[in-house]
All heavy atoms as atom14 arrays in JSON, in Angstrom:
{
  "sequence": "GETVIAIGNPFGFSHTVTTGVISALNRSIRTEDRVYHHFIQTDASIN",
  "atom14_mask": [
    [1, 1, 1, 1, 0, 0, 0, 0, 0, 0, 0, 0, 0, 0],
    [1, 1, 1, 1, 1, 1, 1, 1, 1, 0, 0, 0, 0, 0],
    [1, 1, 1, 1, 1, 1, 1, 0, 0, 0, 0, 0, 0, 0],
    [1, 1, 1, 1, 1, 1, 1, 0, 0, 0, 0, 0, 0, 0],
    [1, 1, 1, 1, 1, 1, 1, 1, 0, 0, 0, 0, 0, 0],
    [1, 1, 1, 1, 1, 0, 0, 0, 0, 0, 0, 0, 0, 0],
    [1, 1, 1, 1, 1, 1, 1, 1, 0, 0, 0, 0, 0, 0],
    [1, 1, 1, 1, 0, 0, 0, 0, 0, 0, 0, 0, 0, 0],
    [1, 1, 1, 1, 1, 1, 1, 1, 0, 0, 0, 0, 0, 0],
    [1, 1, 1, 1, 1, 1, 1, 0, 0, 0, 0, 0, 0, 0],
    [1, 1, 1, 1, 1, 1, 1, 1, 1, 1, 1, 0, 0, 0],
    [1, 1, 1, 1, 0, 0, 0, 0, 0, 0, 0, 0, 0, 0],
    [1, 1, 1, 1, 1, 1, 1, 1, 1, 1, 1, 0, 0, 0],
    [1, 1, 1, 1, 1, 1, 0, 0, 0, 0, 0, 0, 0, 0],
    [1, 1, 1, 1, 1, 1, 1, 1, 1, 1, 0, 0, 0, 0],
    [1, 1, 1, 1, 1, 1, 1, 0, 0, 0, 0, 0, 0, 0],
    [1, 1, 1, 1, 1, 1, 1, 0, 0, 0, 0, 0, 0, 0],
    [1, 1, 1, 1, 1, 1, 1, 0, 0, 0, 0, 0, 0, 0],
    [1, 1, 1, 1, 1, 1, 1, 0, 0, 0, 0, 0, 0, 0],
    [1, 1, 1, 1, 0, 0, 0, 0, 0, 0, 0, 0, 0, 0],
    [1, 1, 1, 1, 1, 1, 1, 0, 0, 0, 0, 0, 0, 0],
    [1, 1, 1, 1, 1, 1, 1, 1, 0, 0, 0, 0, 0, 0],
    [1, 1, 1, 1, 1, 1, 0, 0, 0, 0, 0, 0, 0, 0],
    [1, 1, 1, 1, 1, 0, 0, 0, 0, 0, 0, 0, 0, 0],
    [1, 1, 1, 1, 1, 1, 1, 1, 0, 0, 0, 0, 0, 0],
    [1, 1, 1, 1, 1, 1, 1, 1, 0, 0, 0, 0, 0, 0],
    [1, 1, 1, 1, 1, 1, 1, 1, 1, 1, 1, 0, 0, 0],
    [1, 1, 1, 1, 1, 1, 0, 0, 0, 0, 0, 0, 0, 0],
    [1, 1, 1, 1, 1, 1, 1, 1, 0, 0, 0, 0, 0, 0],
    [1, 1, 1, 1, 1, 1, 1, 1, 1, 1, 1, 0, 0, 0],
    [1, 1, 1, 1, 1, 1, 1, 0, 0, 0, 0, 0, 0, 0],
    [1, 1, 1, 1, 1, 1, 1, 1, 1, 0, 0, 0, 0, 0],
    [1, 1, 1, 1, 1, 1, 1, 1, 0, 0, 0, 0, 0, 0],
    [1, 1, 1, 1, 1, 1, 1, 1, 1, 1, 1, 0, 0, 0],
    [1, 1, 1, 1, 1, 1, 1, 0, 0, 0, 0, 0, 0, 0],
    [1, 1, 1, 1, 1, 1, 1, 1, 1, 1, 1, 1, 0, 0],
    [1, 1, 1, 1, 1, 1, 1, 1, 1, 1, 0, 0, 0, 0],
    [1, 1, 1, 1, 1, 1, 1, 1, 1, 1, 0, 0, 0, 0],
    [1, 1, 1, 1, 1, 1, 1, 1, 1, 1, 1, 0, 0, 0],
    [1, 1, 1, 1, 1, 1, 1, 1, 0, 0, 0, 0, 0, 0],
    [1, 1, 1, 1, 1, 1, 1, 1, 1, 0, 0, 0, 0, 0],
    [1, 1, 1, 1, 1, 1, 1, 0, 0, 0, 0, 0, 0, 0],
    [1, 1, 1, 1, 1, 1, 1, 1, 0, 0, 0, 0, 0, 0],
    [1, 1, 1, 1, 1, 0, 0, 0, 0, 0, 0, 0, 0, 0],
    [1, 1, 1, 1, 1, 1, 0, 0, 0, 0, 0, 0, 0, 0],
    [1, 1, 1, 1, 1, 1, 1, 1, 0, 0, 0, 0, 0, 0],
    [1, 1, 1, 1, 1, 1, 1, 1, 0, 0, 0, 0, 0, 0]
  ],
  "atom14_positions": [
    [[109.51, 5.63, 17.15], [109.26, 6.54, 18.26], [107.79, 6.78, 18.54], [107.46, 7.33, 19.6], [0.0, 0.0, 0.0], [0.0, 0.0, 0.0], [0.0, 0.0, 0.0], [0.0, 0.0, 0.0], [0.0, 0.0, 0.0], [0.0, 0.0, 0.0], [0.0, 0.0, 0.0], [0.0, 0.0, 0.0], [0.0, 0.0, 0.0], [0.0, 0.0, 0.0]],
    [[106.89, 6.38, 17.63], [105.47, 6.62, 17.89], [104.94, 5.65, 18.93], [105.43, 4.52, 19.07], [104.64, 6.56, 16.61], [104.43, 5.19, 16.01], [103.41, 5.22, 14.87], [102.2, 5.31, 15.17], [103.83, 5.14, 13.69], [0.0, 0.0, 0.0], [0.0, 0.0, 0.0], [0.0, 0.0, 0.0], [0.0, 0.0, 0.0], [0.0, 0.0, 0.0]],
    [[103.92, 6.08, 19.66], [103.35, 5.3, 20.76], [102.56, 4.11, 20.22], [101.8, 4.23, 19.25], [102.43, 6.18, 21.62], [103.2, 7.26, 22.17], [101.8, 5.38, 22.75], [0.0, 0.0, 0.0], [0.0, 0.0, 0.0], [0.0, 0.0, 0.0], [0.0, 0.0, 0.0], [0.0, 0.0, 0.0], [0.0, 0.0, 0.0], [0.0, 0.0, 0.0]],
    [[102.76, 2.96, 20.86], [101.99, 1.76, 20.53], [101.44, 1.14, 21.81], [101.93, 1.4, 22.91], [102.85, 0.73, 19.77], [103.17, 1.2, 18.36], [104.14, 0.42, 20.52], [0.0, 0.0, 0.0], [0.0, 0.0, 0.0], [0.0, 0.0, 0.0], [0.0, 0.0, 0.0], [0.0, 0.0, 0.0], [0.0, 0.0, 0.0], [0.0, 0.0, 0.0]],
    [[100.42, 0.3, 21.62], [99.71, -0.32, 22.74], [99.62, -1.81, 22.48], [99.26, -2.23, 21.37], [98.28, 0.25, 22.87], [98.31, 1.79, 22.92], [97.58, -0.32, 24.1], [96.98, 2.42, 22.55], [0.0, 0.0, 0.0], [0.0, 0.0, 0.0], [0.0, 0.0, 0.0], [0.0, 0.0, 0.0], [0.0, 0.0, 0.0], [0.0, 0.0, 0.0]],
    [[99.95, -2.61, 23.47], [99.81, -4.07, 23.38], [98.74, -4.52, 24.37], [98.72, -4.07, 25.52], [101.13, -4.76, 23.68], [0.0, 0.0, 0.0], [0.0, 0.0, 0.0], [0.0, 0.0, 0.0], [0.0, 0.0, 0.0], [0.0, 0.0, 0.0], [0.0, 0.0, 0.0], [0.0, 0.0, 0.0], [0.0, 0.0, 0.0], [0.0, 0.0, 0.0]],
    [[97.85, -5.4, 23.91], [96.83, -6.0, 24.78], [96.95, -7.5, 24.65], [97.07, -8.04, 23.54], [95.41, -5.56, 24.39], [95.3, -4.04, 24.28], [94.39, -6.07, 25.41], [93.94, -3.53, 23.84], [0.0, 0.0, 0.0], [0.0, 0.0, 0.0], [0.0, 0.0, 0.0], [0.0, 0.0, 0.0], [0.0, 0.0, 0.0], [0.0, 0.0, 0.0]],
    [[96.93, -8.2, 25.78], [97.04, -9.66, 25.73], [96.79, -10.3, 27.07], [96.23, -9.67, 27.98], [0.0, 0.0, 0.0], [0.0, 0.0, 0.0], [0.0, 0.0, 0.0], [0.0, 0.0, 0.0], [0.0, 0.0, 0.0], [0.0, 0.0, 0.0], [0.0, 0.0, 0.0], [0.0, 0.0, 0.0], [0.0, 0.0, 0.0], [0.0, 0.0, 0.0]],
    [[97.2, -11.54, 27.17], [96.93, -12.34, 28.36], [98.21, -12.93, 28.92], [98.36, -14.15, 29.01], [95.94, -13.46, 28.01], [94.65, -12.93, 27.42], [93.78, -12.44, 28.13], [94.52, -13.0, 26.1], [0.0, 0.0, 0.0], [0.0, 0.0, 0.0], [0.0, 0.0, 0.0], [0.0, 0.0, 0.0], [0.0, 0.0, 0.0], [0.0, 0.0, 0.0]],
    [[99.18, -12.1, 29.3], [100.45, -12.63, 29.81], [100.25, -13.4, 31.1], [99.58, -12.92, 32.03], [101.29, -11.37, 30.02], [100.31, -10.29, 30.26], [99.13, -10.63, 29.37], [0.0, 0.0, 0.0], [0.0, 0.0, 0.0], [0.0, 0.0, 0.0], [0.0, 0.0, 0.0], [0.0, 0.0, 0.0], [0.0, 0.0, 0.0], [0.0, 0.0, 0.0]],
    [[100.81, -14.61, 31.15], [100.74, -15.46, 32.34], [99.29, -15.71, 32.79], [99.03, -15.97, 33.96], [101.54, -14.84, 33.5], [102.96, -14.53, 33.15], [103.39, -13.23, 32.95], [103.89, -15.56, 32.98], [104.7, -12.95, 32.61], [105.21, -15.28, 32.64], [105.61, -13.98, 32.46], [0.0, 0.0, 0.0], [0.0, 0.0, 0.0], [0.0, 0.0, 0.0]],
    [[98.35, -15.63, 31.83], [96.95, -15.89, 32.16], [96.2, -14.69, 32.71], [95.01, -14.79, 32.99], [0.0, 0.0, 0.0], [0.0, 0.0, 0.0], [0.0, 0.0, 0.0], [0.0, 0.0, 0.0], [0.0, 0.0, 0.0], [0.0, 0.0, 0.0], [0.0, 0.0, 0.0], [0.0, 0.0, 0.0], [0.0, 0.0, 0.0], [0.0, 0.0, 0.0]],
    [[96.87, -13.54, 32.9], [96.19, -12.33, 33.36], [95.51, -11.67, 32.16], [96.15, -11.0, 31.36], [97.19, -11.36, 34.01], [97.78, -11.89, 35.29], [99.09, -12.33, 35.32], [97.03, -11.95, 36.46], [99.65, -12.83, 36.49], [97.58, -12.44, 37.63], [98.89, -12.88, 37.65], [0.0, 0.0, 0.0], [0.0, 0.0, 0.0], [0.0, 0.0, 0.0]],
    [[94.19, -11.84, 32.07], [93.47, -11.47, 30.86], [93.43, -9.96, 30.65], [93.34, -9.18, 31.6], [92.05, -12.02, 30.9], [91.32, -11.44, 31.96], [0.0, 0.0, 0.0], [0.0, 0.0, 0.0], [0.0, 0.0, 0.0], [0.0, 0.0, 0.0], [0.0, 0.0, 0.0], [0.0, 0.0, 0.0], [0.0, 0.0, 0.0], [0.0, 0.0, 0.0]],
    [[93.48, -9.59, 29.39], [93.34, -8.21, 28.94], [94.28, -7.25, 29.69], [93.86, -6.23, 30.23], [91.88, -7.76, 29.04], [91.04, -8.36, 27.97], [90.56, -9.66, 28.04], [90.62, -7.86, 26.77], [89.88, -9.93, 26.94], [89.89, -8.87, 26.17], [0.0, 0.0, 0.0], [0.0, 0.0, 0.0], [0.0, 0.0, 0.0], [0.0, 0.0, 0.0]],
    [[95.55, -7.63, 29.72], [96.57, -6.76, 30.29], [97.03, -5.77, 29.22], [97.3, -6.15, 28.08], [97.77, -7.59, 30.78], [97.33, -8.43, 31.85], [98.89, -6.7, 31.28], [0.0, 0.0, 0.0], [0.0, 0.0, 0.0], [0.0, 0.0, 0.0], [0.0, 0.0, 0.0], [0.0, 0.0, 0.0], [0.0, 0.0, 0.0], [0.0, 0.0, 0.0]],
    [[97.12, -4.51, 29.59], [97.49, -3.44, 28.66], [98.89, -2.94, 29.0], [99.2, -2.66, 30.16], [96.5, -2.27, 28.74], [96.94, -1.13, 27.81], [95.1, -2.74, 28.38], [0.0, 0.0, 0.0], [0.0, 0.0, 0.0], [0.0, 0.0, 0.0], [0.0, 0.0, 0.0], [0.0, 0.0, 0.0], [0.0, 0.0, 0.0], [0.0, 0.0, 0.0]],
    [[99.75, -2.85, 27.99], [101.06, -2.23, 28.15], [101.26, -1.25, 27.01], [100.67, -1.39, 25.94], [102.2, -3.26, 28.16], [102.15, -4.03, 26.94], [102.08, -4.2, 29.35], [0.0, 0.0, 0.0], [0.0, 0.0, 0.0], [0.0, 0.0, 0.0], [0.0, 0.0, 0.0], [0.0, 0.0, 0.0], [0.0, 0.0, 0.0], [0.0, 0.0, 0.0]],
    [[102.09, -0.25, 27.25], [102.36, 0.75, 26.22], [103.87, 0.91, 26.04], [104.66, 0.53, 26.89], [101.76, 2.12, 26.59], [102.35, 2.58, 27.81], [100.26, 2.04, 26.73], [0.0, 0.0, 0.0], [0.0, 0.0, 0.0], [0.0, 0.0, 0.0], [0.0, 0.0, 0.0], [0.0, 0.0, 0.0], [0.0, 0.0, 0.0], [0.0, 0.0, 0.0]],
    [[104.23, 1.49, 24.91], [105.63, 1.75, 24.61], [105.73, 2.52, 23.32], [104.77, 3.2, 22.92], [0.0, 0.0, 0.0], [0.0, 0.0, 0.0], [0.0, 0.0, 0.0], [0.0, 0.0, 0.0], [0.0, 0.0, 0.0], [0.0, 0.0, 0.0], [0.0, 0.0, 0.0], [0.0, 0.0, 0.0], [0.0, 0.0, 0.0], [0.0, 0.0, 0.0]],
    [[106.85, 2.37, 22.66], [107.05, 3.04, 21.38], [107.59, 2.03, 20.38], [108.05, 0.94, 20.74], [108.04, 4.22, 21.49], [107.51, 5.28, 22.44], [109.43, 3.74, 21.91], [0.0, 0.0, 0.0], [0.0, 0.0, 0.0], [0.0, 0.0, 0.0], [0.0, 0.0, 0.0], [0.0, 0.0, 0.0], [0.0, 0.0, 0.0], [0.0, 0.0, 0.0]],
    [[107.51, 2.38, 19.11], [108.17, 1.58, 18.08], [109.66, 1.86, 18.16], [110.11, 2.99, 17.99], [107.62, 1.9, 16.69], [106.17, 1.44, 16.58], [108.48, 1.23, 15.61], [105.52, 1.74, 15.25], [0.0, 0.0, 0.0], [0.0, 0.0, 0.0], [0.0, 0.0, 0.0], [0.0, 0.0, 0.0], [0.0, 0.0, 0.0], [0.0, 0.0, 0.0]],
    [[110.43, 0.83, 18.46], [111.87, 0.98, 18.63], [112.62, 0.87, 17.31], [113.66, 1.51, 17.12], [112.4, -0.09, 19.6], [111.71, -0.05, 20.83], [0.0, 0.0, 0.0], [0.0, 0.0, 0.0], [0.0, 0.0, 0.0], [0.0, 0.0, 0.0], [0.0, 0.0, 0.0], [0.0, 0.0, 0.0], [0.0, 0.0, 0.0], [0.0, 0.0, 0.0]],
    [[112.12, 0.01, 16.41], [112.78, -0.19, 15.11], [111.81, -0.9, 14.18], [110.81, -1.49, 14.62], [114.06, -0.99, 15.28], [0.0, 0.0, 0.0], [0.0, 0.0, 0.0], [0.0, 0.0, 0.0], [0.0, 0.0, 0.0], [0.0, 0.0, 0.0], [0.0, 0.0, 0.0], [0.0, 0.0, 0.0], [0.0, 0.0, 0.0], [0.0, 0.0, 0.0]],
    [[112.1, -0.85, 12.91], [111.29, -1.52, 11.89], [112.17, -2.48, 11.09], [113.4, -2.38, 11.09], [110.65, -0.49, 10.95], [109.71, 0.52, 11.6], [109.34, 1.63, 10.6], [108.44, -0.17, 12.12], [0.0, 0.0, 0.0], [0.0, 0.0, 0.0], [0.0, 0.0, 0.0], [0.0, 0.0, 0.0], [0.0, 0.0, 0.0], [0.0, 0.0, 0.0]],
    [[111.51, -3.44, 10.42], [112.22, -4.38, 9.54], [113.29, -5.19, 10.26], [114.36, -5.45, 9.71], [112.83, -3.65, 8.34], [111.79, -2.99, 7.47], [110.76, -3.59, 7.17], [112.04, -1.76, 7.07], [0.0, 0.0, 0.0], [0.0, 0.0, 0.0], [0.0, 0.0, 0.0], [0.0, 0.0, 0.0], [0.0, 0.0, 0.0], [0.0, 0.0, 0.0]],
    [[112.99, -5.61, 11.47], [113.92, -6.45, 12.22], [113.79, -7.9, 11.78], [112.72, -8.37, 11.4], [113.63, -6.37, 13.72], [113.99, -5.05, 14.36], [115.48, -4.76, 14.27], [115.89, -3.77, 15.25], [116.98, -3.04, 15.15], [117.79, -3.2, 14.11], [117.3, -2.16, 16.1], [0.0, 0.0, 0.0], [0.0, 0.0, 0.0], [0.0, 0.0, 0.0]],
    [[114.9, -8.64, 11.84], [114.91, -10.08, 11.56], [115.14, -10.83, 12.87], [115.96, -10.4, 13.68], [116.0, -10.45, 10.55], [115.75, -9.84, 9.31], [0.0, 0.0, 0.0], [0.0, 0.0, 0.0], [0.0, 0.0, 0.0], [0.0, 0.0, 0.0], [0.0, 0.0, 0.0], [0.0, 0.0, 0.0], [0.0, 0.0, 0.0], [0.0, 0.0, 0.0]],
    [[114.42, -11.93, 13.05], [114.52, -12.73, 14.27], [114.84, -14.16, 13.88], [114.16, -14.76, 13.06], [113.21, -12.71, 15.07], [112.8, -11.28, 15.4], [113.33, -13.52, 16.35], [111.44, -11.19, 16.01], [0.0, 0.0, 0.0], [0.0, 0.0, 0.0], [0.0, 0.0, 0.0], [0.0, 0.0, 0.0], [0.0, 0.0, 0.0], [0.0, 0.0, 0.0]],
    [[115.88, -14.7, 14.49], [116.26, -16.09, 14.23], [115.76, -16.98, 15.36], [116.0, -16.71, 16.54], [117.78, -16.21, 14.11], [118.26, -17.64, 13.82], [119.77, -17.69, 13.69], [120.23, -16.89, 12.57], [120.27, -17.32, 11.32], [119.87, -18.56, 11.02], [120.7, -16.54, 10.35], [0.0, 0.0, 0.0], [0.0, 0.0, 0.0], [0.0, 0.0, 0.0]],
    [[115.03, -18.04, 15.01], [114.6, -19.05, 15.98], [115.39, -20.32, 15.71], [116.32, -20.33, 14.91], [113.09, -19.31, 15.88], [112.78, -19.84, 14.58], [112.3, -18.02, 16.08], [0.0, 0.0, 0.0], [0.0, 0.0, 0.0], [0.0, 0.0, 0.0], [0.0, 0.0, 0.0], [0.0, 0.0, 0.0], [0.0, 0.0, 0.0], [0.0, 0.0, 0.0]],
    [[114.99, -21.41, 16.36], [115.74, -22.66, 16.2], [115.7, -23.19, 14.78], [116.68, -23.78, 14.31], [115.19, -23.72, 17.16], [115.45, -23.41, 18.64], [114.92, -24.5, 19.53], [114.32, -25.46, 19.0], [115.11, -24.41, 20.76], [0.0, 0.0, 0.0], [0.0, 0.0, 0.0], [0.0, 0.0, 0.0], [0.0, 0.0, 0.0], [0.0, 0.0, 0.0]],
    [[114.58, -22.98, 14.08], [114.45, -23.63, 12.77], [114.22, -22.68, 11.6], [114.15, -23.11, 10.46], [113.3, -24.65, 12.8], [111.98, -24.02, 13.19], [111.99, -22.86, 13.65], [110.94, -24.68, 13.03], [0.0, 0.0, 0.0], [0.0, 0.0, 0.0], [0.0, 0.0, 0.0], [0.0, 0.0, 0.0], [0.0, 0.0, 0.0], [0.0, 0.0, 0.0]],
    [[114.1, -21.36, 11.85], [113.9, -20.45, 10.73], [114.21, -19.02, 11.14], [114.4, -18.71, 12.31], [112.47, -20.54, 10.17], [111.38, -20.25, 11.18], [110.03, -20.17, 10.48], [109.72, -21.35, 9.73], [109.05, -22.39, 10.21], [108.61, -22.37, 11.46], [108.8, -23.44, 9.48], [0.0, 0.0, 0.0], [0.0, 0.0, 0.0], [0.0, 0.0, 0.0]],
    [[114.23, -18.15, 10.13], [114.45, -16.73, 10.36], [113.2, -15.98, 9.89], [112.7, -16.22, 8.78], [115.69, -16.21, 9.6], [115.84, -14.7, 9.8], [116.94, -16.94, 10.06], [0.0, 0.0, 0.0], [0.0, 0.0, 0.0], [0.0, 0.0, 0.0], [0.0, 0.0, 0.0], [0.0, 0.0, 0.0], [0.0, 0.0, 0.0], [0.0, 0.0, 0.0]],
    [[112.68, -15.1, 10.74], [111.54, -14.26, 10.39], [112.05, -12.86, 10.07], [112.9, -12.32, 10.78], [110.53, -14.2, 11.54], [109.93, -15.54, 11.91], [110.44, -16.29, 12.96], [108.85, -16.04, 11.21], [109.89, -17.51, 13.3], [108.29, -17.27, 11.54], [108.81, -18.0, 12.58], [108.27, -19.21, 12.9], [0.0, 0.0, 0.0], [0.0, 0.0, 0.0]],
    [[111.48, -12.25, 9.02], [111.97, -10.95, 8.57], [110.89, -9.87, 8.71], [109.7, -10.16, 8.79], [112.41, -11.05, 7.11], [113.56, -11.98, 6.87], [114.88, -11.61, 7.07], [113.6, -13.28, 6.47], [115.67, -12.63, 6.79], [114.91, -13.65, 6.42], [0.0, 0.0, 0.0], [0.0, 0.0, 0.0], [0.0, 0.0, 0.0], [0.0, 0.0, 0.0]],
    [[111.36, -8.62, 8.71], [110.51, -7.44, 8.62], [109.57, -7.28, 9.82], [108.43, -6.84, 9.67], [109.71, -7.45, 7.31], [110.57, -7.64, 6.1], [111.53, -6.72, 5.71], [110.65, -8.66, 5.21], [112.15, -7.17, 4.63], [111.64, -8.33, 4.31], [0.0, 0.0, 0.0], [0.0, 0.0, 0.0], [0.0, 0.0, 0.0], [0.0, 0.0, 0.0]],
    [[110.03, -7.64, 11.01], [109.22, -7.48, 12.21], [109.29, -6.05, 12.74], [110.25, -5.31, 12.51], [109.71, -8.43, 13.31], [109.09, -9.8, 13.25], [108.56, -10.29, 12.08], [109.04, -10.59, 14.38], [108.0, -11.55, 12.04], [108.48, -11.85, 14.34], [107.96, -12.34, 13.17], [0.0, 0.0, 0.0], [0.0, 0.0, 0.0], [0.0, 0.0, 0.0]],
    [[108.23, -5.66, 13.46], [108.21, -4.41, 14.21], [108.83, -4.68, 15.58], [108.44, -5.64, 16.24], [106.77, -3.9, 14.4], [106.08, -3.69, 13.05], [106.75, -2.61, 15.23], [104.58, -3.48, 13.17], [0.0, 0.0, 0.0], [0.0, 0.0, 0.0], [0.0, 0.0, 0.0], [0.0, 0.0, 0.0], [0.0, 0.0, 0.0], [0.0, 0.0, 0.0]],
    [[109.77, -3.86, 15.99], [110.34, -3.98, 17.33], [109.75, -2.9, 18.22], [109.65, -1.74, 17.83], [111.86, -3.83, 17.29], [112.53, -3.96, 18.67], [114.03, -3.73, 18.61], [114.67, -4.05, 17.6], [114.59, -3.17, 19.66], [0.0, 0.0, 0.0], [0.0, 0.0, 0.0], [0.0, 0.0, 0.0], [0.0, 0.0, 0.0], [0.0, 0.0, 0.0]],
    [[109.36, -3.28, 19.44], [108.76, -2.34, 20.38], [109.32, -2.58, 21.78], [109.79, -3.67, 22.09], [107.23, -2.48, 20.41], [106.69, -1.63, 21.42], [106.81, -3.92, 20.72], [0.0, 0.0, 0.0], [0.0, 0.0, 0.0], [0.0, 0.0, 0.0], [0.0, 0.0, 0.0], [0.0, 0.0, 0.0], [0.0, 0.0, 0.0], [0.0, 0.0, 0.0]],
    [[109.26, -1.52, 22.61], [109.65, -1.71, 24.0], [108.43, -1.87, 24.91], [108.57, -1.9, 26.14], [110.53, -0.55, 24.49], [109.79, 0.78, 24.57], [108.66, 0.86, 24.06], [110.35, 1.74, 25.12], [0.0, 0.0, 0.0], [0.0, 0.0, 0.0], [0.0, 0.0, 0.0], [0.0, 0.0, 0.0], [0.0, 0.0, 0.0], [0.0, 0.0, 0.0]],
    [[107.22, -1.98, 24.33], [106.04, -2.3, 25.13], [106.25, -3.68, 25.73], [106.69, -4.61, 25.06], [104.78, -2.28, 24.26], [0.0, 0.0, 0.0], [0.0, 0.0, 0.0], [0.0, 0.0, 0.0], [0.0, 0.0, 0.0], [0.0, 0.0, 0.0], [0.0, 0.0, 0.0], [0.0, 0.0, 0.0], [0.0, 0.0, 0.0], [0.0, 0.0, 0.0]],
    [[105.93, -3.82, 27.01], [106.18, -5.08, 27.71], [105.34, -6.2, 27.11], [104.11, -6.14, 27.09], [105.86, -4.92, 29.2], [106.12, -6.12, 29.89], [0.0, 0.0, 0.0], [0.0, 0.0, 0.0], [0.0, 0.0, 0.0], [0.0, 0.0, 0.0], [0.0, 0.0, 0.0], [0.0, 0.0, 0.0], [0.0, 0.0, 0.0], [0.0, 0.0, 0.0]],
    [[106.02, -7.24, 26.6], [105.36, -8.4, 25.99], [105.9, -9.65, 26.65], [107.11, -9.89, 26.63], [105.59, -8.43, 24.47], [104.94, -7.21, 23.8], [105.04, -9.71, 23.86], [105.22, -7.09, 22.33], [0.0, 0.0, 0.0], [0.0, 0.0, 0.0], [0.0, 0.0, 0.0], [0.0, 0.0, 0.0], [0.0, 0.0, 0.0], [0.0, 0.0, 0.0]],
    [[105.02, -10.42, 27.26], [105.41, -11.6, 28.02], [104.7, -12.83, 27.47], [103.82, -12.72, 26.62], [105.04, -11.41, 29.5], [105.83, -10.29, 30.14], [107.03, -10.4, 30.31], [105.16, -9.19, 30.48], [0.0, 0.0, 0.0], [0.0, 0.0, 0.0], [0.0, 0.0, 0.0], [0.0, 0.0, 0.0], [0.0, 0.0, 0.0], [0.0, 0.0, 0.0]]
  ]
}
């Protein structure tokens, strides 16, 4: 629930700022070839 800030270059738009909150902790993500564990989940817009 605490506020977080993401800064990046989505679609080439440099230094774009988005905000949100921490939605969950210790999330696991499955990709095509492996599983990543203990990720931070956020609703800050990430593209």
